[in-house]
Amino acid sequence: MIKKESRQVSTATFRWIRSIFVILWCHFSVSLLCFNVLFDLVFFGIPFHFFRWIGAFSEEKFACYINKLINWTTPIVLSTPMVFSGTNIYCNNIDLLFESKSDNSLLLANHGSRIDWMVGMFCGYTTDVGGKSCARNRVGFVCEGILQFMPIVGWYRKFINNDIFVWRSFRQDKPTIENNI
């Protein structure tokens, strides 16, 4: 009887300590993300936009450099929280996911949890889908317009990722959507 209670206490203690560790590590990862985003924005994003503005970069070259920058930042966002939280991703139609990664695709989804955007980034970033090798894809988001003014992360999403920011008025958002798709 005493051994069973002791084992339950030690298991509960382990889970509690693990949860605290995951929370602390995730906060640390978000801090690293903000630092990395700020670094990328200041040392790469602003100069890339300047070079594009003065004509030193073509639109294609600018897009190529921005995609490389995004692929550099994405693992920082994905790896730590998803690995330490034990996230599992299930896909009902792996062939559709593989096919969508082989061509330009537009996936529309209304997220229902706090990590849906991470799953989308993971699907774009992964190079192994169901045992098949595929290319890395840039993932962009449609965000509420006010988010573009959020310091660091909002600026990064606007100037580096070129996300689409909408104000929920189709009359106002139509030109923005047409220019970005």
Protein backbone atom coordinates (compact mmCIF):
# COMPACT_ATOMS: atom_id res chain seq x y z
CA MET A 1 0.00 0.00 0.00
CA ILE A 2 2.81 2.41 0.89
CA LYS A 3 4.76 1.56 -2.29
CA LYS A 4 1.72 2.25 -4.49
CA GLU A 5 1.11 5.67 -2.88
CA SER A 6 4.82 6.49 -3.13
CA ARG A 7 4.85 5.57 -6.81
CA GLN A 8 1.77 7.76 -7.45
CA VAL A 9 3.36 10.71 -5.66
CA SER A 10 6.63 10.35 -7.55
CA THR A 11 4.75 10.09 -10.88
CA ALA A 12 2.66 13.16 -10.05
CA THR A 13 5.78 15.04 -8.95
CA PHE A 14 7.56 14.07 -12.17
CA ARG A 15 4.63 15.30 -14.28
CA TRP A 16 4.49 18.55 -12.34
CA ILE A 17 8.24 19.14 -12.75
CA ARG A 18 8.05 18.23 -16.44
CA SER A 19 5.16 20.67 -16.96
CA ILE A 20 7.09 23.47 -15.25
CA PHE A 21 10.16 22.67 -17.37
CA VAL A 22 8.09 22.72 -20.59
CA ILE A 23 6.51 26.06 -19.64
CA LEU A 24 9.89 27.62 -18.80
CA TRP A 25 11.52 26.23 -21.93
CA CYS A 26 8.67 27.48 -24.12
CA HIS A 27 8.96 30.97 -22.61
CA PHE A 28 12.71 30.86 -23.17
CA SER A 29 12.10 29.78 -26.78
CA VAL A 30 9.66 32.63 -27.36
CA SER A 31 12.27 35.02 -25.97
CA LEU A 32 14.84 33.58 -28.39
CA LEU A 33 12.30 33.90 -31.18
CA CYS A 34 11.73 37.59 -30.40
CA PHE A 35 15.49 38.21 -30.26
CA ASN A 36 15.99 36.34 -33.55
CA VAL A 37 13.09 38.15 -35.22
CA LEU A 38 14.46 41.52 -34.09
CA PHE A 39 17.94 40.58 -35.32
CA ASP A 40 16.57 39.37 -38.67
CA LEU A 41 14.43 42.47 -39.07
CA VAL A 42 17.21 44.96 -38.28
CA PHE A 43 20.21 43.27 -39.90
CA PHE A 44 18.53 41.58 -42.87
CA GLY A 45 14.96 42.78 -43.41
CA ILE A 46 15.58 46.52 -43.50
CA PRO A 47 18.71 46.24 -45.72
CA PHE A 48 16.93 43.80 -48.09
CA HIS A 49 14.01 46.22 -48.44
CA PHE A 50 16.45 49.11 -48.99
CA PHE A 51 18.33 47.19 -51.70
CA ARG A 52 15.04 46.32 -53.38
CA TRP A 53 13.93 49.97 -53.15
CA ILE A 54 17.10 51.31 -54.81
CA GLY A 55 16.95 48.59 -57.48
CA ALA A 56 19.95 46.52 -56.35
CA PHE A 57 17.65 43.50 -55.79
CA SER A 58 15.08 42.34 -58.29
CA GLU A 59 11.76 41.09 -56.93
CA GLU A 60 12.90 37.51 -57.57
CA LYS A 61 16.21 37.98 -55.75
CA PHE A 62 14.43 39.72 -52.87
CA ALA A 63 11.93 36.83 -52.60
CA CYS A 64 14.77 34.30 -52.68
CA TYR A 65 16.66 36.03 -49.83
CA ILE A 66 13.50 36.49 -47.77
CA ASN A 67 12.61 32.79 -48.18
CA LYS A 68 16.09 31.82 -46.98
CA LEU A 69 15.68 34.14 -44.00
CA ILE A 70 12.28 32.61 -43.16
CA ASN A 71 13.73 29.09 -43.42
CA TRP A 72 16.45 30.13 -40.99
CA THR A 73 13.93 31.44 -38.44
CA THR A 74 11.28 28.69 -38.70
CA PRO A 75 13.15 25.95 -36.77
CA ILE A 76 13.50 28.28 -33.79
CA VAL A 77 9.73 28.68 -33.70
CA LEU A 78 8.91 25.02 -34.25
CA SER A 79 11.48 22.80 -32.67
CA THR A 80 11.45 23.47 -28.98
CA PRO A 81 7.74 23.81 -28.16
CA MET A 82 6.66 20.97 -30.43
CA VAL A 83 9.34 18.53 -29.31
CA PHE A 84 9.15 19.17 -25.57
CA SER A 85 5.36 19.23 -25.49
CA GLY A 86 5.21 15.90 -27.32
CA THR A 87 3.09 17.23 -30.17
CA ASN A 88 1.87 14.62 -32.62
CA ILE A 89 0.45 15.63 -35.99
CA TYR A 90 -2.04 13.38 -37.74
CA CYS A 91 -3.05 13.83 -41.37
CA ASN A 92 -6.12 12.19 -42.88
CA ASN A 93 -4.86 12.53 -46.47
CA ILE A 94 -1.06 12.45 -46.64
CA ASP A 95 -1.13 12.28 -50.45
CA LEU A 96 -3.04 15.58 -50.63
CA LEU A 97 -0.47 17.21 -48.34
CA PHE A 98 2.38 15.86 -50.47
CA GLU A 99 0.68 17.03 -53.67
CA SER A 100 0.02 20.50 -52.25
CA LYS A 101 3.71 20.88 -51.38
CA SER A 102 4.73 20.09 -54.98
CA ASP A 103 2.86 23.09 -56.39
CA ASN A 104 1.76 26.52 -55.27
CA SER A 105 -1.20 25.98 -53.00
CA LEU A 106 -3.55 28.04 -50.95
CA LEU A 107 -4.90 26.48 -47.79
CA LEU A 108 -7.64 28.30 -45.98
CA ALA A 109 -8.36 27.34 -42.41
CA ASN A 110 -9.88 29.01 -39.42
CA HIS A 111 -7.77 28.08 -36.45
CA GLY A 112 -9.38 26.71 -33.36
CA SER A 113 -6.43 26.46 -31.02
CA ARG A 114 -3.23 28.25 -30.09
CA ILE A 115 -0.92 25.96 -32.04
CA ASP A 116 -2.70 25.68 -35.40
CA TRP A 117 -0.32 28.19 -36.95
CA MET A 118 2.63 26.07 -35.76
CA VAL A 119 1.15 23.00 -37.46
CA GLY A 120 0.81 25.01 -40.68
CA MET A 121 4.43 26.17 -40.44
CA PHE A 122 5.55 22.60 -39.74
CA CYS A 123 3.70 21.27 -42.80
CA GLY A 124 5.39 23.91 -44.96
CA TYR A 125 8.84 23.45 -43.45
CA THR A 126 9.08 19.67 -43.33
CA THR A 127 10.89 17.92 -46.17
CA ASP A 128 9.60 14.43 -45.37
CA VAL A 129 5.88 13.79 -45.84
CA GLY A 130 4.82 10.21 -45.29
CA GLY A 131 8.28 8.90 -46.12
CA LYS A 132 8.42 10.88 -49.38
CA SER A 133 10.94 13.64 -49.93
CA CYS A 134 9.50 17.06 -50.82
CA ALA A 135 10.51 20.70 -51.00
CA ARG A 136 10.29 23.23 -48.21
CA ASN A 137 7.48 25.73 -48.74
CA ARG A 138 6.96 29.24 -47.51
CA VAL A 139 3.90 29.56 -45.33
CA GLY A 140 2.13 32.89 -45.13
CA PHE A 141 -0.83 33.89 -43.04
CA VAL A 142 -3.86 36.11 -43.27
CA CYS A 143 -3.88 38.11 -40.05
CA GLU A 144 -5.99 40.78 -38.45
CA GLY A 145 -4.84 44.23 -39.58
CA ILE A 146 -3.97 45.46 -36.10
CA LEU A 147 -1.31 42.76 -35.66
CA GLN A 148 1.02 44.44 -38.17
CA PHE A 149 1.58 47.23 -35.65
CA MET A 150 2.63 44.87 -32.86
CA PRO A 151 6.31 45.58 -32.11
CA ILE A 152 8.89 43.09 -33.37
CA VAL A 153 6.73 40.07 -34.28
CA GLY A 154 4.05 42.09 -36.12
CA TRP A 155 6.67 44.09 -37.99
CA TYR A 156 8.48 40.87 -38.91
CA ARG A 157 5.25 39.30 -40.20
CA LYS A 158 4.58 42.40 -42.31
CA PHE A 159 8.02 43.25 -43.70
CA ILE A 160 9.72 39.85 -43.86
CA ASN A 161 6.93 37.30 -44.27
CA ASN A 162 4.69 39.61 -46.31
CA ASP A 163 1.61 38.22 -44.62
CA ILE A 164 -1.78 39.53 -45.66
CA PHE A 165 -3.34 41.82 -43.06
CA VAL A 166 -7.10 42.31 -43.29
CA TRP A 167 -9.51 44.60 -41.48
CA ARG A 168 -12.58 42.35 -42.00
CA SER A 169 -14.15 44.67 -44.52
CA PHE A 170 -14.02 43.11 -47.98
CA ARG A 171 -14.35 46.51 -49.66
CA GLN A 172 -11.23 47.68 -47.80
CA ASP A 173 -9.38 44.33 -47.97
CA LYS A 174 -10.02 43.41 -51.62
CA PRO A 175 -7.00 45.32 -53.07
CA THR A 176 -4.69 43.94 -50.35
CA ILE A 177 -5.79 40.36 -50.98
CA GLU A 178 -5.54 40.71 -54.78
CA ASN A 179 -2.02 42.21 -54.57
CA ASN A 180 -0.74 39.45 -52.27
CA ILE A 181 -2.15 36.29 -53.81
